[in-house]
PDB file of N, CA and C in Angstrom:
ATOM      1  N   MET A   1      53.524  16.321  45.052  1.00  0.00           N
ATOM      2  CA  MET A   1      53.060  17.254  46.751  1.00  0.00           C
ATOM      3  C   MET A   1      54.183  17.851  46.941  1.00  0.00           C
ATOM      4  N   PRO A   2      54.174  19.227  47.509  1.00  0.00           N
ATOM      5  CA  PRO A   2      55.197  19.342  47.728  1.00  0.00           C
ATOM      6  C   PRO A   2      55.893  19.901  49.074  1.00  0.00           C
ATOM      7  N   LEU A   3      56.994  19.390  49.746  1.00  0.00           N
ATOM      8  CA  LEU A   3      57.019  18.821  51.262  1.00  0.00           C
ATOM      9  C   LEU A   3      58.395  19.453  51.330  1.00  0.00           C
ATOM     10  N   ILE A   4      57.944  20.723  52.295  1.00  0.00           N
ATOM     11  CA  ILE A   4      59.321  21.575  53.107  1.00  0.00           C
ATOM     12  C   ILE A   4      59.421  21.721  54.357  1.00  0.00           C
ATOM     13  N   ALA A   5      60.978  21.525  54.745  1.00  0.00           N
ATOM     14  CA  ALA A   5      60.820  21.768  55.578  1.00  0.00           C
ATOM     15  C   ALA A   5      61.773  23.192  55.994  1.00  0.00           C
ATOM     16  N   VAL A   6      61.198  24.174  57.397  1.00  0.00           N
ATOM     17  CA  VAL A   6      61.122  25.128  57.850  1.00  0.00           C
ATOM     18  C   VAL A   6      61.947  25.078  59.069  1.00  0.00           C
ATOM     19  N   ASP A   7      62.857  25.639  59.326  1.00  0.00           N
ATOM     20  CA  ASP A   7      63.700  25.608  60.173  1.00  0.00           C
ATOM     21  C   ASP A   7      63.040  26.758  60.994  1.00  0.00           C
ATOM     22  N   ALA A   8      62.133  26.991  61.553  1.00  0.00           N
ATOM     23  CA  ALA A   8      61.295  27.705  62.650  1.00  0.00           C
ATOM     24  C   ALA A   8      62.033  28.525  63.863  1.00  0.00           C
ATOM     25  N   MET A   9      63.098  28.011  64.378  1.00  0.00           N
ATOM     26  CA  MET A   9      63.822  29.081  65.169  1.00  0.00           C
ATOM     27  C   MET A   9      65.018  29.794  64.681  1.00  0.00           C
ATOM     28  N   GLY A  10      64.825  29.677  63.573  1.00  0.00           N
ATOM     29  CA  GLY A  10      65.877  30.357  62.838  1.00  0.00           C
ATOM     30  C   GLY A  10      65.733  32.579  62.661  1.00  0.00           C
ATOM     31  N   GLY A  11      66.459  32.460  62.433  1.00  0.00           N
ATOM     32  CA  GLY A  11      66.018  34.408  62.340  1.00  0.00           C
ATOM     33  C   GLY A  11      65.910  34.841  63.534  1.00  0.00           C
ATOM     34  N   ASP A  12      65.900  36.285  63.172  1.00  0.00           N
ATOM     35  CA  ASP A  12      65.434  36.955  64.687  1.00  0.00           C
ATOM     36  C   ASP A  12      64.416  36.984  65.244  1.00  0.00           C
ATOM     37  N   ARG A  13      63.815  36.582  65.100  1.00  0.00           N
ATOM     38  CA  ARG A  13      62.101  36.732  65.036  1.00  0.00           C
ATOM     39  C   ARG A  13      61.076  34.400  65.358  1.00  0.00           C
ATOM     40  N   ALA A  14      62.376  34.631  65.346  1.00  0.00           N
ATOM     41  CA  ALA A  14      61.639  32.697  65.659  1.00  0.00           C
ATOM     42  C   ALA A  14      61.597  32.748  66.477  1.00  0.00           C
ATOM     43  N   PRO A  15      60.302  31.871  66.513  1.00  0.00           N
ATOM     44  CA  PRO A  15      59.469  31.422  65.840  1.00  0.00           C
ATOM     45  C   PRO A  15      58.559  31.951  65.574  1.00  0.00           C
ATOM     46  N   ALA A  16      57.480  33.511  65.859  1.00  0.00           N
ATOM     47  CA  ALA A  16      56.806  33.720  65.190  1.00  0.00           C
ATOM     48  C   ALA A  16      56.911  33.884  63.432  1.00  0.00           C
ATOM     49  N   ILE A  17      58.369  33.893  62.635  1.00  0.00           N
ATOM     50  CA  ILE A  17      58.291  34.325  61.884  1.00  0.00           C
ATOM     51  C   ILE A  17      58.265  33.453  60.960  1.00  0.00           C
ATOM     52  N   PRO A  18      58.357  32.282  61.006  1.00  0.00           N
ATOM     53  CA  PRO A  18      58.652  31.022  59.947  1.00  0.00           C
ATOM     54  C   PRO A  18      57.732  30.525  60.158  1.00  0.00           C
ATOM     55  N   VAL A  19      57.217  30.868  61.440  1.00  0.00           N
ATOM     56  CA  VAL A  19      55.605  29.919  61.516  1.00  0.00           C
ATOM     57  C   VAL A  19      54.536  30.814  60.812  1.00  0.00           C
ATOM     58  N   ARG A  20      54.563  32.014  60.867  1.00  0.00           N
ATOM     59  CA  ARG A  20      53.480  32.579  60.510  1.00  0.00           C
ATOM     60  C   ARG A  20      53.807  32.295  58.888  1.00  0.00           C
ATOM     61  N   GLY A  21      54.713  32.528  58.953  1.00  0.00           N
ATOM     62  CA  GLY A  21      55.458  32.204  56.655  1.00  0.00           C
ATOM     63  C   GLY A  21      54.773  30.934  56.098  1.00  0.00           C
ATOM     64  N   ALA A  22      54.572  30.318  57.253  1.00  0.00           N
ATOM     65  CA  ALA A  22      53.888  28.348  57.153  1.00  0.00           C
ATOM     66  C   ALA A  22      52.692  28.560  56.767  1.00  0.00           C
ATOM     67  N   ILE A  23      52.058  29.078  57.923  1.00  0.00           N
ATOM     68  CA  ILE A  23      50.975  29.349  57.706  1.00  0.00           C
ATOM     69  C   ILE A  23      50.151  30.117  56.600  1.00  0.00           C
ATOM     70  N   ARG A  24      50.865  31.483  56.093  1.00  0.00           N
ATOM     71  CA  ARG A  24      50.814  31.552  55.277  1.00  0.00           C
ATOM     72  C   ARG A  24      51.345  30.676  53.801  1.00  0.00           C
ATOM     73  N   ALA A  25      51.432  30.205  53.606  1.00  0.00           N
ATOM     74  CA  ALA A  25      51.209  29.312  51.699  1.00  0.00           C
ATOM     75  C   ALA A  25      51.306  28.231  52.286  1.00  0.00           C
ATOM     76  N   LEU A  26      50.355  27.987  53.175  1.00  0.00           N
ATOM     77  CA  LEU A  26      49.778  26.665  52.970  1.00  0.00           C
ATOM     78  C   LEU A  26      48.439  27.332  52.901  1.00  0.00           C
ATOM     79  N   ALA A  27      47.536  28.709  53.252  1.00  0.00           N
ATOM     80  CA  ALA A  27      46.614  29.174  52.664  1.00  0.00           C
ATOM     81  C   ALA A  27      46.493  28.872  51.574  1.00  0.00           C
ATOM     82  N   GLU A  28      47.871  29.549  50.957  1.00  0.00           N
ATOM     83  CA  GLU A  28      48.054  29.843  49.102  1.00  0.00           C
ATOM     84  C   GLU A  28      47.680  28.981  48.104  1.00  0.00           C
ATOM     85  N   ASN A  29      48.429  27.539  49.062  1.00  0.00           N
ATOM     86  CA  ASN A  29      48.347  25.839  48.701  1.00  0.00           C
ATOM     87  C   ASN A  29      48.492  25.150  49.463  1.00  0.00           C
ATOM     88  N   SER A  30      47.444  24.373  48.954  1.00  0.00           N
ATOM     89  CA  SER A  30      46.811  23.944  50.078  1.00  0.00           C
ATOM     90  C   SER A  30      47.624  22.013  49.531  1.00  0.00           C
ATOM     91  N   GLU A  31      48.557  22.445  48.810  1.00  0.00           N
ATOM     92  CA  GLU A  31      48.423  20.718  48.327  1.00  0.00           C
ATOM     93  C   GLU A  31      49.845  20.777  48.995  1.00  0.00           C
ATOM     94  N   LEU A  32      50.943  22.131  49.681  1.00  0.00           N
ATOM     95  CA  LEU A  32      52.050  22.196  50.705  1.00  0.00           C
ATOM     96  C   LEU A  32      51.789  20.600  51.989  1.00  0.00           C
ATOM     97  N   GLN A  33      53.169  20.572  51.934  1.00  0.00           N
ATOM     98  CA  GLN A  33      53.170  20.032  52.584  1.00  0.00           C
ATOM     99  C   GLN A  33      54.284  20.636  54.012  1.00  0.00           C
ATOM    100  N   VAL A  34      54.557  21.271  54.627  1.00  0.00           N
ATOM    101  CA  VAL A  34      55.517  21.482  55.881  1.00  0.00           C
ATOM    102  C   VAL A  34      55.540  20.997  56.693  1.00  0.00           C
ATOM    103  N   THR A  35      57.196  20.819  57.215  1.00  0.00           N
ATOM    104  CA  THR A  35      57.782  20.465  58.261  1.00  0.00           C
ATOM    105  C   THR A  35      57.794  21.447  59.383  1.00  0.00           C
ATOM    106  N   LEU A  36      57.854  21.934  60.437  1.00  0.00           N
ATOM    107  CA  LEU A  36      58.187  22.796  60.664  1.00  0.00           C
ATOM    108  C   LEU A  36      60.021  21.724  62.082  1.00  0.00           C
ATOM    109  N   VAL A  37      60.637  22.469  61.901  1.00  0.00           N
ATOM    110  CA  VAL A  37      61.643  21.908  62.878  1.00  0.00           C
ATOM    111  C   VAL A  37      62.055  22.734  64.134  1.00  0.00           C
ATOM    112  N   GLY A  38      62.893  22.486  64.849  1.00  0.00           N
ATOM    113  CA  GLY A  38      62.565  23.452  66.177  1.00  0.00           C
ATOM    114  C   GLY A  38      61.795  22.626  67.197  1.00  0.00           C
ATOM    115  N   VAL A  39      62.277  23.519  68.090  1.00  0.00           N
ATOM    116  CA  VAL A  39      61.686  23.051  69.979  1.00  0.00           C
ATOM    117  C   VAL A  39      60.179  23.099  70.086  1.00  0.00           C
ATOM    118  N   GLN A  40      58.871  22.199  70.202  1.00  0.00           N
ATOM    119  CA  GLN A  40      57.939  21.834  69.691  1.00  0.00           C
ATOM    120  C   GLN A  40      57.145  22.594  70.311  1.00  0.00           C
ATOM    121  N   ASP A  41      57.149  23.140  71.270  1.00  0.00           N
ATOM    122  CA  ASP A  41      56.372  23.409  72.766  1.00  0.00           C
ATOM    123  C   ASP A  41      56.433  24.715  71.949  1.00  0.00           C
ATOM    124  N   LEU A  42      57.648  25.596  71.619  1.00  0.00           N
ATOM    125  CA  LEU A  42      58.027  26.896  71.282  1.00  0.00           C
ATOM    126  C   LEU A  42      56.555  26.918  69.814  1.00  0.00           C
ATOM    127  N   ILE A  43      56.545  26.331  69.307  1.00  0.00           N
ATOM    128  CA  ILE A  43      56.232  26.022  67.640  1.00  0.00           C
ATOM    129  C   ILE A  43      54.414  26.412  67.798  1.00  0.00           C
ATOM    130  N   GLN A  44      53.748  24.738  68.801  1.00  0.00           N
ATOM    131  CA  GLN A  44      52.803  25.080  69.354  1.00  0.00           C
ATOM    132  C   GLN A  44      52.630  26.317  69.290  1.00  0.00           C
ATOM    133  N   ARG A  45      52.827  26.979  70.819  1.00  0.00           N
ATOM    134  CA  ARG A  45      52.785  27.824  71.325  1.00  0.00           C
ATOM    135  C   ARG A  45      52.228  28.911  70.254  1.00  0.00           C
ATOM    136  N   GLU A  46      53.959  29.022  69.266  1.00  0.00           N
ATOM    137  CA  GLU A  46      52.965  30.470  68.033  1.00  0.00           C
ATOM    138  C   GLU A  46      52.118  30.038  67.170  1.00  0.00           C
ATOM    139  N   ILE A  47      51.745  28.654  67.151  1.00  0.00           N
ATOM    140  CA  ILE A  47      51.043  28.303  66.651  1.00  0.00           C
ATOM    141  C   ILE A  47      49.381  28.614  67.041  1.00  0.00           C
ATOM    142  N   ASP A  48      49.145  28.381  68.026  1.00  0.00           N
ATOM    143  CA  ASP A  48      48.045  28.310  68.422  1.00  0.00           C
ATOM    144  C   ASP A  48      47.694  29.789  68.982  1.00  0.00           C
ATOM    145  N   SER A  49      48.785  31.224  68.476  1.00  0.00           N
ATOM    146  CA  SER A  49      48.494  32.368  69.122  1.00  0.00           C
ATOM    147  C   SER A  49      47.672  33.106  67.912  1.00  0.00           C
ATOM    148  N   VAL A  50      47.567  31.948  66.529  1.00  0.00           N
ATOM    149  CA  VAL A  50      47.883  32.730  65.500  1.00  0.00           C
ATOM    150  C   VAL A  50      46.014  31.873  64.810  1.00  0.00           C
TER     151      VAL A  50
END
C-alpha cells in the first residue's frame, strides 16, 4: 500500500487544489494512504467543504 505525503500548503491555490487532488487519488485507488502536510485547520476546512 503506497504512502504519499502531500504539501497541502504549496501552490497558488493551496490548500484547495492539493486537498482535492488527494481526495481524487483516494477515490481512484482505495489502497493509497495520503498524509496532507500543512496547517491542520485550513486543510480540515477544505476537506469539510468538498
